[in-house]
Amino acid sequence: PIRLTLPDGALVLYNGIIALNETPTLTKGQ
C-alpha cells in the first residue's frame, strides 16, 4: 500500500508492486 497525502489533507491510496532502481543518475551539475 502507498499513501499520498496532499497539502490540504486529502488522501490518495494506492496498492502496487514497487521496483527500485538503485543506480543513481549522474548528470554533471544536477
mmCIF file of all heavy atoms, coordinates in Angstrom:
data_MODEL
# 
_entry.id   MODEL 
# 
loop_
_atom_site.group_PDB 
_atom_site.id 
_atom_site.type_symbol 
_atom_site.label_atom_id 
_atom_site.label_alt_id 
_atom_site.label_comp_id 
_atom_site.label_asym_id 
_atom_site.label_entity_id 
_atom_site.label_seq_id 
_atom_site.pdbx_PDB_ins_code 
_atom_site.Cartn_x 
_atom_site.Cartn_y 
_atom_site.Cartn_z 
_atom_site.occupancy 
_atom_site.B_iso_or_equiv 
_atom_site.pdbx_formal_charge 
_atom_site.auth_seq_id 
_atom_site.auth_comp_id 
_atom_site.auth_asym_id 
_atom_site.auth_atom_id 
_atom_site.pdbx_PDB_model_num 
ATOM 1   N N   . PRO A 1 1  ? 0.823  -1.208 0.000   1.00 0.00 ? 1  PRO A N   1 
ATOM 2   C CA  . PRO A 1 1  ? 0.000  0.000  0.000   1.00 0.00 ? 1  PRO A CA  1 
ATOM 3   C C   . PRO A 1 1  ? 0.861  1.263  0.000   1.00 0.00 ? 1  PRO A C   1 
ATOM 4   O O   . PRO A 1 1  ? 1.912  1.316  0.640   1.00 0.00 ? 1  PRO A O   1 
ATOM 5   C CB  . PRO A 1 1  ? -0.801 -0.121 1.299   1.00 0.00 ? 1  PRO A CB  1 
ATOM 6   C CG  . PRO A 1 1  ? -0.794 -1.581 1.626   1.00 0.00 ? 1  PRO A CG  1 
ATOM 7   C CD  . PRO A 1 1  ? 0.560  -2.052 1.185   1.00 0.00 ? 1  PRO A CD  1 
ATOM 8   N N   . ILE A 1 2  ? 0.379  2.273  -0.722  1.00 0.00 ? 2  ILE A N   1 
ATOM 9   C CA  . ILE A 1 2  ? 1.055  3.576  -0.804  1.00 0.00 ? 2  ILE A CA  1 
ATOM 10  C C   . ILE A 1 2  ? 0.031  4.651  -0.490  1.00 0.00 ? 2  ILE A C   1 
ATOM 11  O O   . ILE A 1 2  ? -1.113 4.591  -0.946  1.00 0.00 ? 2  ILE A O   1 
ATOM 12  C CB  . ILE A 1 2  ? 1.653  3.812  -2.210  1.00 0.00 ? 2  ILE A CB  1 
ATOM 13  C CG1 . ILE A 1 2  ? 2.702  2.747  -2.538  1.00 0.00 ? 2  ILE A CG1 1 
ATOM 14  C CG2 . ILE A 1 2  ? 2.269  5.204  -2.312  1.00 0.00 ? 2  ILE A CG2 1 
ATOM 15  C CD1 . ILE A 1 2  ? 2.183  1.627  -3.377  1.00 0.00 ? 2  ILE A CD1 1 
ATOM 16  N N   . ARG A 1 3  ? 0.453  5.638  0.293   1.00 0.00 ? 3  ARG A N   1 
ATOM 17  C CA  . ARG A 1 3  ? -0.442 6.739  0.665   1.00 0.00 ? 3  ARG A CA  1 
ATOM 18  C C   . ARG A 1 3  ? 0.155  8.065  0.193   1.00 0.00 ? 3  ARG A C   1 
ATOM 19  O O   . ARG A 1 3  ? 1.292  8.379  0.504   1.00 0.00 ? 3  ARG A O   1 
ATOM 20  C CB  . ARG A 1 3  ? -0.620 6.773  2.186   1.00 0.00 ? 3  ARG A CB  1 
ATOM 21  C CG  . ARG A 1 3  ? -1.538 7.893  2.696   1.00 0.00 ? 3  ARG A CG  1 
ATOM 22  C CD  . ARG A 1 3  ? -1.601 7.869  4.224   1.00 0.00 ? 3  ARG A CD  1 
ATOM 23  N NE  . ARG A 1 3  ? -0.311 8.241  4.819   1.00 0.00 ? 3  ARG A NE  1 
ATOM 24  C CZ  . ARG A 1 3  ? -0.031 8.144  6.121   1.00 0.00 ? 3  ARG A CZ  1 
ATOM 25  N NH1 . ARG A 1 3  ? -0.931 7.670  6.960   1.00 0.00 ? 3  ARG A NH1 1 
ATOM 26  N NH2 . ARG A 1 3  ? 1.164  8.499  6.581   1.00 0.00 ? 3  ARG A NH2 1 
ATOM 27  N N   . LEU A 1 4  ? -0.641 8.813  -0.555  1.00 0.00 ? 4  LEU A N   1 
ATOM 28  C CA  . LEU A 1 4  ? -0.272 10.164 -0.962  1.00 0.00 ? 4  LEU A CA  1 
ATOM 29  C C   . LEU A 1 4  ? -1.142 11.139 -0.173  1.00 0.00 ? 4  LEU A C   1 
ATOM 30  O O   . LEU A 1 4  ? -2.364 11.106 -0.282  1.00 0.00 ? 4  LEU A O   1 
ATOM 31  C CB  . LEU A 1 4  ? -0.491 10.359 -2.464  1.00 0.00 ? 4  LEU A CB  1 
ATOM 32  C CG  . LEU A 1 4  ? -0.374 11.790 -3.007  1.00 0.00 ? 4  LEU A CG  1 
ATOM 33  C CD1 . LEU A 1 4  ? 1.016  12.351 -2.776  1.00 0.00 ? 4  LEU A CD1 1 
ATOM 34  C CD2 . LEU A 1 4  ? -0.740 11.831 -4.487  1.00 0.00 ? 4  LEU A CD2 1 
ATOM 35  N N   . THR A 1 5  ? -0.491 11.966 0.641   1.00 0.00 ? 5  THR A N   1 
ATOM 36  C CA  . THR A 1 5  ? -1.207 12.972 1.424   1.00 0.00 ? 5  THR A CA  1 
ATOM 37  C C   . THR A 1 5  ? -0.974 14.332 0.790   1.00 0.00 ? 5  THR A C   1 
ATOM 38  O O   . THR A 1 5  ? 0.170  14.811 0.719   1.00 0.00 ? 5  THR A O   1 
ATOM 39  C CB  . THR A 1 5  ? -0.711 12.996 2.884   1.00 0.00 ? 5  THR A CB  1 
ATOM 40  O OG1 . THR A 1 5  ? -0.800 11.666 3.436   1.00 0.00 ? 5  THR A OG1 1 
ATOM 41  C CG2 . THR A 1 5  ? -1.561 13.935 3.721   1.00 0.00 ? 5  THR A CG2 1 
ATOM 42  N N   . LEU A 1 6  ? -2.030 14.947 0.300   1.00 0.00 ? 6  LEU A N   1 
ATOM 43  C CA  . LEU A 1 6  ? -1.931 16.239 -0.372  1.00 0.00 ? 6  LEU A CA  1 
ATOM 44  C C   . LEU A 1 6  ? -1.886 17.374 0.657   1.00 0.00 ? 6  LEU A C   1 
ATOM 45  O O   . LEU A 1 6  ? -2.224 17.177 1.828   1.00 0.00 ? 6  LEU A O   1 
ATOM 46  C CB  . LEU A 1 6  ? -3.111 16.403 -1.324  1.00 0.00 ? 6  LEU A CB  1 
ATOM 47  C CG  . LEU A 1 6  ? -3.169 15.348 -2.449  1.00 0.00 ? 6  LEU A CG  1 
ATOM 48  C CD1 . LEU A 1 6  ? -4.442 15.514 -3.270  1.00 0.00 ? 6  LEU A CD1 1 
ATOM 49  C CD2 . LEU A 1 6  ? -1.937 15.423 -3.328  1.00 0.00 ? 6  LEU A CD2 1 
ATOM 50  N N   . PRO A 1 7  ? -1.467 18.565 0.239   1.00 0.00 ? 7  PRO A N   1 
ATOM 51  C CA  . PRO A 1 7  ? -1.302 19.658 1.195   1.00 0.00 ? 7  PRO A CA  1 
ATOM 52  C C   . PRO A 1 7  ? -2.561 20.013 1.984   1.00 0.00 ? 7  PRO A C   1 
ATOM 53  O O   . PRO A 1 7  ? -2.481 20.488 3.114   1.00 0.00 ? 7  PRO A O   1 
ATOM 54  C CB  . PRO A 1 7  ? -0.855 20.834 0.316   1.00 0.00 ? 7  PRO A CB  1 
ATOM 55  C CG  . PRO A 1 7  ? -0.188 20.187 -0.849  1.00 0.00 ? 7  PRO A CG  1 
ATOM 56  C CD  . PRO A 1 7  ? -0.963 18.922 -1.100  1.00 0.00 ? 7  PRO A CD  1 
ATOM 57  N N   . ASP A 1 8  ? -3.745 19.784 1.400   1.00 0.00 ? 8  ASP A N   1 
ATOM 58  C CA  . ASP A 1 8  ? -4.986 20.099 2.105   1.00 0.00 ? 8  ASP A CA  1 
ATOM 59  C C   . ASP A 1 8  ? -5.471 18.957 2.995   1.00 0.00 ? 8  ASP A C   1 
ATOM 60  O O   . ASP A 1 8  ? -6.559 19.020 3.554   1.00 0.00 ? 8  ASP A O   1 
ATOM 61  C CB  . ASP A 1 8  ? -6.077 20.498 1.119   1.00 0.00 ? 8  ASP A CB  1 
ATOM 62  C CG  . ASP A 1 8  ? -6.448 19.376 0.142   1.00 0.00 ? 8  ASP A CG  1 
ATOM 63  O OD1 . ASP A 1 8  ? -5.831 18.292 0.220   1.00 0.00 ? 8  ASP A OD1 1 
ATOM 64  O OD2 . ASP A 1 8  ? -7.341 19.587 -0.701  1.00 0.00 ? 8  ASP A OD2 1 
ATOM 65  N N   . GLY A 1 9  ? -4.665 17.891 3.109   1.00 0.00 ? 9  GLY A N   1 
ATOM 66  C CA  . GLY A 1 9  ? -5.034 16.748 3.934   1.00 0.00 ? 9  GLY A CA  1 
ATOM 67  C C   . GLY A 1 9  ? -5.766 15.651 3.194   1.00 0.00 ? 9  GLY A C   1 
ATOM 68  O O   . GLY A 1 9  ? -6.017 14.592 3.768   1.00 0.00 ? 9  GLY A O   1 
ATOM 69  N N   . ALA A 1 10 ? -6.123 15.885 1.936   1.00 0.00 ? 10 ALA A N   1 
ATOM 70  C CA  . ALA A 1 10 ? -6.780 14.845 1.145   1.00 0.00 ? 10 ALA A CA  1 
ATOM 71  C C   . ALA A 1 10 ? -5.821 13.681 0.915   1.00 0.00 ? 10 ALA A C   1 
ATOM 72  O O   . ALA A 1 10 ? -4.597 13.859 0.883   1.00 0.00 ? 10 ALA A O   1 
ATOM 73  C CB  . ALA A 1 10 ? -7.245 15.415 -0.194  1.00 0.00 ? 10 ALA A CB  1 
ATOM 74  N N   . LEU A 1 11 ? -6.391 12.487 0.752   1.00 0.00 ? 11 LEU A N   1 
ATOM 75  C CA  . LEU A 1 11 ? -5.597 11.285 0.576   1.00 0.00 ? 11 LEU A CA  1 
ATOM 76  C C   . LEU A 1 11 ? -5.887 10.643 -0.774  1.00 0.00 ? 11 LEU A C   1 
ATOM 77  O O   . LEU A 1 11 ? -7.018 10.654 -1.249  1.00 0.00 ? 11 LEU A O   1 
ATOM 78  C CB  . LEU A 1 11 ? -5.909 10.256 1.664   1.00 0.00 ? 11 LEU A CB  1 
ATOM 79  C CG  . LEU A 1 11 ? -5.663 10.631 3.126   1.00 0.00 ? 11 LEU A CG  1 
ATOM 80  C CD1 . LEU A 1 11 ? -6.070 9.474  4.034   1.00 0.00 ? 11 LEU A CD1 1 
ATOM 81  C CD2 . LEU A 1 11 ? -4.209 11.011 3.358   1.00 0.00 ? 11 LEU A CD2 1 
ATOM 82  N N   . VAL A 1 12 ? -4.841 10.065 -1.363  1.00 0.00 ? 12 VAL A N   1 
ATOM 83  C CA  . VAL A 1 12 ? -4.998 9.146  -2.493  1.00 0.00 ? 12 VAL A CA  1 
ATOM 84  C C   . VAL A 1 12 ? -4.284 7.864  -2.075  1.00 0.00 ? 12 VAL A C   1 
ATOM 85  O O   . VAL A 1 12 ? -3.103 7.898  -1.702  1.00 0.00 ? 12 VAL A O   1 
ATOM 86  C CB  . VAL A 1 12 ? -4.405 9.689  -3.801  1.00 0.00 ? 12 VAL A CB  1 
ATOM 87  C CG1 . VAL A 1 12 ? -4.786 8.770  -4.968  1.00 0.00 ? 12 VAL A CG1 1 
ATOM 88  C CG2 . VAL A 1 12 ? -4.869 11.110 -4.069  1.00 0.00 ? 12 VAL A CG2 1 
ATOM 89  N N   . LEU A 1 13 ? -5.007 6.742  -2.127  1.00 0.00 ? 13 LEU A N   1 
ATOM 90  C CA  . LEU A 1 13 ? -4.498 5.471  -1.618  1.00 0.00 ? 13 LEU A CA  1 
ATOM 91  C C   . LEU A 1 13 ? -4.327 4.493  -2.771  1.00 0.00 ? 13 LEU A C   1 
ATOM 92  O O   . LEU A 1 13 ? -5.253 4.279  -3.558  1.00 0.00 ? 13 LEU A O   1 
ATOM 93  C CB  . LEU A 1 13 ? -5.458 4.907  -0.574  1.00 0.00 ? 13 LEU A CB  1 
ATOM 94  C CG  . LEU A 1 13 ? -5.747 5.850  0.604   1.00 0.00 ? 13 LEU A CG  1 
ATOM 95  C CD1 . LEU A 1 13 ? -6.899 5.318  1.443   1.00 0.00 ? 13 LEU A CD1 1 
ATOM 96  C CD2 . LEU A 1 13 ? -4.499 6.047  1.457   1.00 0.00 ? 13 LEU A CD2 1 
ATOM 97  N N   . TYR A 1 14 ? -3.132 3.905  -2.852  1.00 0.00 ? 14 TYR A N   1 
ATOM 98  C CA  . TYR A 1 14 ? -2.797 3.002  -3.935  1.00 0.00 ? 14 TYR A CA  1 
ATOM 99  C C   . TYR A 1 14 ? -2.365 1.652  -3.362  1.00 0.00 ? 14 TYR A C   1 
ATOM 100 O O   . TYR A 1 14 ? -2.023 1.541  -2.190  1.00 0.00 ? 14 TYR A O   1 
ATOM 101 C CB  . TYR A 1 14 ? -1.631 3.548  -4.768  1.00 0.00 ? 14 TYR A CB  1 
ATOM 102 C CG  . TYR A 1 14 ? -1.776 4.955  -5.266  1.00 0.00 ? 14 TYR A CG  1 
ATOM 103 C CD1 . TYR A 1 14 ? -1.248 6.033  -4.535  1.00 0.00 ? 14 TYR A CD1 1 
ATOM 104 C CD2 . TYR A 1 14 ? -2.391 5.238  -6.474  1.00 0.00 ? 14 TYR A CD2 1 
ATOM 105 C CE1 . TYR A 1 14 ? -1.348 7.338  -4.998  1.00 0.00 ? 14 TYR A CE1 1 
ATOM 106 C CE2 . TYR A 1 14 ? -2.486 6.549  -6.956  1.00 0.00 ? 14 TYR A CE2 1 
ATOM 107 C CZ  . TYR A 1 14 ? -1.960 7.591  -6.203  1.00 0.00 ? 14 TYR A CZ  1 
ATOM 108 O OH  . TYR A 1 14 ? -2.062 8.870  -6.673  1.00 0.00 ? 14 TYR A OH  1 
ATOM 109 N N   . ASN A 1 15 ? -2.314 0.648  -4.226  1.00 0.00 ? 15 ASN A N   1 
ATOM 110 C CA  . ASN A 1 15 ? -1.751 -0.645 -3.872  1.00 0.00 ? 15 ASN A CA  1 
ATOM 111 C C   . ASN A 1 15 ? -1.001 -1.140 -5.099  1.00 0.00 ? 15 ASN A C   1 
ATOM 112 O O   . ASN A 1 15 ? -1.589 -1.273 -6.177  1.00 0.00 ? 15 ASN A O   1 
ATOM 113 C CB  . ASN A 1 15 ? -2.832 -1.638 -3.464  1.00 0.00 ? 15 ASN A CB  1 
ATOM 114 C CG  . ASN A 1 15 ? -2.371 -2.604 -2.388  1.00 0.00 ? 15 ASN A CG  1 
ATOM 115 O OD1 . ASN A 1 15 ? -1.195 -2.660 -2.051  1.00 0.00 ? 15 ASN A OD1 1 
ATOM 116 N ND2 . ASN A 1 15 ? -3.289 -3.378 -1.843  1.00 0.00 ? 15 ASN A ND2 1 
ATOM 117 N N   . GLY A 1 16 ? 0.296  -1.378 -4.955  1.00 0.00 ? 16 GLY A N   1 
ATOM 118 C CA  . GLY A 1 16 ? 1.062  -1.741 -6.131  1.00 0.00 ? 16 GLY A CA  1 
ATOM 119 C C   . GLY A 1 16 ? 2.332  -2.492 -5.810  1.00 0.00 ? 16 GLY A C   1 
ATOM 120 O O   . GLY A 1 16 ? 2.697  -2.685 -4.647  1.00 0.00 ? 16 GLY A O   1 
ATOM 121 N N   . ILE A 1 17 ? 3.008  -2.912 -6.853  1.00 0.00 ? 17 ILE A N   1 
ATOM 122 C CA  . ILE A 1 17 ? 4.279  -3.608 -6.754  1.00 0.00 ? 17 ILE A CA  1 
ATOM 123 C C   . ILE A 1 17 ? 5.387  -2.604 -7.044  1.00 0.00 ? 17 ILE A C   1 
ATOM 124 O O   . ILE A 1 17 ? 5.380  -1.931 -8.082  1.00 0.00 ? 17 ILE A O   1 
ATOM 125 C CB  . ILE A 1 17 ? 4.334  -4.794 -7.732  1.00 0.00 ? 17 ILE A CB  1 
ATOM 126 C CG1 . ILE A 1 17 ? 3.242  -5.807 -7.379  1.00 0.00 ? 17 ILE A CG1 1 
ATOM 127 C CG2 . ILE A 1 17 ? 5.706  -5.456 -7.704  1.00 0.00 ? 17 ILE A CG2 1 
ATOM 128 C CD1 . ILE A 1 17 ? 3.075  -6.913 -8.402  1.00 0.00 ? 17 ILE A CD1 1 
ATOM 129 N N   . ILE A 1 18 ? 6.335  -2.495 -6.124  1.00 0.00 ? 18 ILE A N   1 
ATOM 130 C CA  . ILE A 1 18 ? 7.384  -1.487 -6.196  1.00 0.00 ? 18 ILE A CA  1 
ATOM 131 C C   . ILE A 1 18 ? 8.655  -2.084 -6.784  1.00 0.00 ? 18 ILE A C   1 
ATOM 132 O O   . ILE A 1 18 ? 9.057  -3.201 -6.446  1.00 0.00 ? 18 ILE A O   1 
ATOM 133 C CB  . ILE A 1 18 ? 7.667  -0.914 -4.796  1.00 0.00 ? 18 ILE A CB  1 
ATOM 134 C CG1 . ILE A 1 18 ? 6.439  -0.148 -4.285  1.00 0.00 ? 18 ILE A CG1 1 
ATOM 135 C CG2 . ILE A 1 18 ? 8.893  -0.004 -4.803  1.00 0.00 ? 18 ILE A CG2 1 
ATOM 136 C CD1 . ILE A 1 18 ? 6.539  0.303  -2.840  1.00 0.00 ? 18 ILE A CD1 1 
ATOM 137 N N   . ALA A 1 19 ? 9.282  -1.330 -7.675  1.00 0.00 ? 19 ALA A N   1 
ATOM 138 C CA  . ALA A 1 19 ? 10.596 -1.692 -8.212  1.00 0.00 ? 19 ALA A CA  1 
ATOM 139 C C   . ALA A 1 19 ? 11.513 -0.486 -8.044  1.00 0.00 ? 19 ALA A C   1 
ATOM 140 O O   . ALA A 1 19 ? 11.180 0.620  -8.486  1.00 0.00 ? 19 ALA A O   1 
ATOM 141 C CB  . ALA A 1 19 ? 10.500 -2.095 -9.681  1.00 0.00 ? 19 ALA A CB  1 
ATOM 142 N N   . LEU A 1 20 ? 12.645 -0.684 -7.387  1.00 0.00 ? 20 LEU A N   1 
ATOM 143 C CA  . LEU A 1 20 ? 13.597 0.399  -7.127  1.00 0.00 ? 20 LEU A CA  1 
ATOM 144 C C   . LEU A 1 20 ? 14.857 0.176  -7.948  1.00 0.00 ? 20 LEU A C   1 
ATOM 145 O O   . LEU A 1 20 ? 15.504 -0.871 -7.844  1.00 0.00 ? 20 LEU A O   1 
ATOM 146 C CB  . LEU A 1 20 ? 13.947 0.456  -5.643  1.00 0.00 ? 20 LEU A CB  1 
ATOM 147 C CG  . LEU A 1 20 ? 15.025 1.475  -5.236  1.00 0.00 ? 20 LEU A CG  1 
ATOM 148 C CD1 . LEU A 1 20 ? 14.533 2.898  -5.488  1.00 0.00 ? 20 LEU A CD1 1 
ATOM 149 C CD2 . LEU A 1 20 ? 15.423 1.288  -3.779  1.00 0.00 ? 20 LEU A CD2 1 
ATOM 150 N N   . ASN A 1 21 ? 15.211 1.164  -8.771  1.00 0.00 ? 21 ASN A N   1 
ATOM 151 C CA  . ASN A 1 21 ? 16.483 1.155  -9.485  1.00 0.00 ? 21 ASN A CA  1 
ATOM 152 C C   . ASN A 1 21 ? 17.505 1.865  -8.602  1.00 0.00 ? 21 ASN A C   1 
ATOM 153 O O   . ASN A 1 21 ? 17.451 3.080  -8.434  1.00 0.00 ? 21 ASN A O   1 
ATOM 154 C CB  . ASN A 1 21 ? 16.337 1.863  -10.835 1.00 0.00 ? 21 ASN A CB  1 
ATOM 155 C CG  . ASN A 1 21 ? 17.613 1.821  -11.657 1.00 0.00 ? 21 ASN A CG  1 
ATOM 156 O OD1 . ASN A 1 21 ? 18.683 1.497  -11.149 1.00 0.00 ? 21 ASN A OD1 1 
ATOM 157 N ND2 . ASN A 1 21 ? 17.505 2.163  -12.923 1.00 0.00 ? 21 ASN A ND2 1 
ATOM 158 N N   . GLU A 1 22 ? 18.419 1.105  -8.038  1.00 0.00 ? 22 GLU A N   1 
ATOM 159 C CA  . GLU A 1 22 ? 19.352 1.657  -7.058  1.00 0.00 ? 22 GLU A CA  1 
ATOM 160 C C   . GLU A 1 22 ? 20.531 2.403  -7.679  1.00 0.00 ? 22 GLU A C   1 
ATOM 161 O O   . GLU A 1 22 ? 21.319 3.018  -6.950  1.00 0.00 ? 22 GLU A O   1 
ATOM 162 C CB  . GLU A 1 22 ? 19.874 0.535  -6.161  1.00 0.00 ? 22 GLU A CB  1 
ATOM 163 C CG  . GLU A 1 22 ? 18.790 -0.135 -5.346  1.00 0.00 ? 22 GLU A CG  1 
ATOM 164 C CD  . GLU A 1 22 ? 19.350 -1.206 -4.437  1.00 0.00 ? 22 GLU A CD  1 
ATOM 165 O OE1 . GLU A 1 22 ? 20.106 -0.851 -3.508  1.00 0.00 ? 22 GLU A OE1 1 
ATOM 166 O OE2 . GLU A 1 22 ? 19.049 -2.395 -4.667  1.00 0.00 ? 22 GLU A OE2 1 
ATOM 167 N N   . THR A 1 23 ? 20.667 2.363  -8.989  1.00 0.00 ? 23 THR A N   1 
ATOM 168 C CA  . THR A 1 23 ? 21.749 3.096  -9.641  1.00 0.00 ? 23 THR A CA  1 
ATOM 169 C C   . THR A 1 23 ? 21.329 4.548  -9.841  1.00 0.00 ? 23 THR A C   1 
ATOM 170 O O   . THR A 1 23 ? 20.359 4.819  -10.560 1.00 0.00 ? 23 THR A O   1 
ATOM 171 C CB  . THR A 1 23 ? 22.101 2.469  -11.000 1.00 0.00 ? 23 THR A CB  1 
ATOM 172 O OG1 . THR A 1 23 ? 22.479 1.105  -10.792 1.00 0.00 ? 23 THR A OG1 1 
ATOM 173 C CG2 . THR A 1 23 ? 23.238 3.223  -11.664 1.00 0.00 ? 23 THR A CG2 1 
ATOM 174 N N   . PRO A 1 24 ? 22.021 5.508  -9.230  1.00 0.00 ? 24 PRO A N   1 
ATOM 175 C CA  . PRO A 1 24 ? 21.604 6.908  -9.368  1.00 0.00 ? 24 PRO A CA  1 
ATOM 176 C C   . PRO A 1 24 ? 21.972 7.486  -10.726 1.00 0.00 ? 24 PRO A C   1 
ATOM 177 O O   . PRO A 1 24 ? 22.908 7.023  -11.392 1.00 0.00 ? 24 PRO A O   1 
ATOM 178 C CB  . PRO A 1 24 ? 22.386 7.616  -8.248  1.00 0.00 ? 24 PRO A CB  1 
ATOM 179 C CG  . PRO A 1 24 ? 23.606 6.770  -8.060  1.00 0.00 ? 24 PRO A CG  1 
ATOM 180 C CD  . PRO A 1 24 ? 23.177 5.362  -8.326  1.00 0.00 ? 24 PRO A CD  1 
ATOM 181 N N   . THR A 1 25 ? 21.226 8.495  -11.123 1.00 0.00 ? 25 THR A N   1 
ATOM 182 C CA  . THR A 1 25 ? 21.590 9.258  -12.316 1.00 0.00 ? 25 THR A CA  1 
ATOM 183 C C   . THR A 1 25 ? 22.825 10.093 -11.999 1.00 0.00 ? 25 THR A C   1 
ATOM 184 O O   . THR A 1 25 ? 23.004 10.574 -10.872 1.00 0.00 ? 25 THR A O   1 
ATOM 185 C CB  . THR A 1 25 ? 20.450 10.187 -12.742 1.00 0.00 ? 25 THR A CB  1 
ATOM 186 O OG1 . THR A 1 25 ? 20.121 11.069 -11.650 1.00 0.00 ? 25 THR A OG1 1 
ATOM 187 C CG2 . THR A 1 25 ? 19.211 9.394  -13.129 1.00 0.00 ? 25 THR A CG2 1 
ATOM 188 N N   . LEU A 1 26 ? 23.674 10.264 -12.986 1.00 0.00 ? 26 LEU A N   1 
ATOM 189 C CA  . LEU A 1 26 ? 24.914 11.023 -12.802 1.00 0.00 ? 26 LEU A CA  1 
ATOM 190 C C   . LEU A 1 26 ? 25.024 12.042 -13.921 1.00 0.00 ? 26 LEU A C   1 
ATOM 191 O O   . LEU A 1 26 ? 25.601 11.767 -14.979 1.00 0.00 ? 26 LEU A O   1 
ATOM 192 C CB  . LEU A 1 26 ? 26.129 10.090 -12.802 1.00 0.00 ? 26 LEU A CB  1 
ATOM 193 C CG  . LEU A 1 26 ? 26.160 8.993  -11.736 1.00 0.00 ? 26 LEU A CG  1 
ATOM 194 C CD1 . LEU A 1 26 ? 27.313 8.041  -11.975 1.00 0.00 ? 26 LEU A CD1 1 
ATOM 195 C CD2 . LEU A 1 26 ? 26.246 9.600  -10.341 1.00 0.00 ? 26 LEU A CD2 1 
ATOM 196 N N   . THR A 1 27 ? 24.441 13.205 -13.711 1.00 0.00 ? 27 THR A N   1 
ATOM 197 C CA  . THR A 1 27 ? 24.489 14.290 -14.680 1.00 0.00 ? 27 THR A CA  1 
ATOM 198 C C   . THR A 1 27 ? 25.198 15.471 -14.042 1.00 0.00 ? 27 THR A C   1 
ATOM 199 O O   . THR A 1 27 ? 24.789 15.941 -12.975 1.00 0.00 ? 27 THR A O   1 
ATOM 200 C CB  . THR A 1 27 ? 23.073 14.704 -15.120 1.00 0.00 ? 27 THR A CB  1 
ATOM 201 O OG1 . THR A 1 27 ? 22.396 13.554 -15.647 1.00 0.00 ? 27 THR A OG1 1 
ATOM 202 C CG2 . THR A 1 27 ? 23.133 15.789 -16.178 1.00 0.00 ? 27 THR A CG2 1 
ATOM 203 N N   . LYS A 1 28 ? 26.264 15.934 -14.663 1.00 0.00 ? 28 LYS A N   1 
ATOM 204 C CA  . LYS A 1 28 ? 27.077 16.996 -14.096 1.00 0.00 ? 28 LYS A CA  1 
ATOM 205 C C   . LYS A 1 28 ? 26.224 18.214 -13.741 1.00 0.00 ? 28 LYS A C   1 
ATOM 206 O O   . LYS A 1 28 ? 25.417 18.681 -14.541 1.00 0.00 ? 28 LYS A O   1 
ATOM 207 C CB  . LYS A 1 28 ? 28.171 17.404 -15.084 1.00 0.00 ? 28 LYS A CB  1 
ATOM 208 C CG  . LYS A 1 28 ? 29.178 18.412 -14.534 1.00 0.00 ? 28 LYS A CG  1 
ATOM 209 C CD  . LYS A 1 28 ? 30.271 18.680 -15.536 1.00 0.00 ? 28 LYS A CD  1 
ATOM 210 C CE  . LYS A 1 28 ? 31.253 19.726 -15.030 1.00 0.00 ? 28 LYS A CE  1 
ATOM 211 N NZ  . LYS A 1 28 ? 32.011 19.251 -13.841 1.00 0.00 ? 28 LYS A NZ  1 
ATOM 212 N N   . GLY A 1 29 ? 26.370 18.657 -12.508 1.00 0.00 ? 29 GLY A N   1 
ATOM 213 C CA  . GLY A 1 29 ? 25.662 19.851 -12.060 1.00 0.00 ? 29 GLY A CA  1 
ATOM 214 C C   . GLY A 1 29 ? 24.236 19.603 -11.617 1.00 0.00 ? 29 GLY A C   1 
ATOM 215 O O   . GLY A 1 29 ? 23.531 20.554 -11.278 1.00 0.00 ? 29 GLY A O   1 
ATOM 216 N N   . GLN A 1 30 ? 23.783 18.331 -11.624 1.00 0.00 ? 30 GLN A N   1 
ATOM 217 C CA  . GLN A 1 30 ? 22.424 18.025 -11.210 1.00 0.00 ? 30 GLN A CA  1 
ATOM 218 C C   . GLN A 1 30 ? 22.427 17.034 -10.050 1.00 0.00 ? 30 GLN A C   1 
ATOM 219 O O   . GLN A 1 30 ? 23.373 16.255 -9.874  1.00 0.00 ? 30 GLN A O   1 
ATOM 220 C CB  . GLN A 1 30 ? 21.614 17.453 -12.371 1.00 0.00 ? 30 GLN A CB  1 
ATOM 221 C CG  . GLN A 1 30 ? 21.413 18.449 -13.511 1.00 0.00 ? 30 GLN A CG  1 
ATOM 222 C CD  . GLN A 1 30 ? 20.492 17.911 -14.588 1.00 0.00 ? 30 GLN A CD  1 
ATOM 223 O OE1 . GLN A 1 30 ? 19.760 16.952 -14.384 1.00 0.00 ? 30 GLN A OE1 1 
ATOM 224 N NE2 . GLN A 1 30 ? 20.516 18.531 -15.752 1.00 0.00 ? 30 GLN A NE2 1 
# 
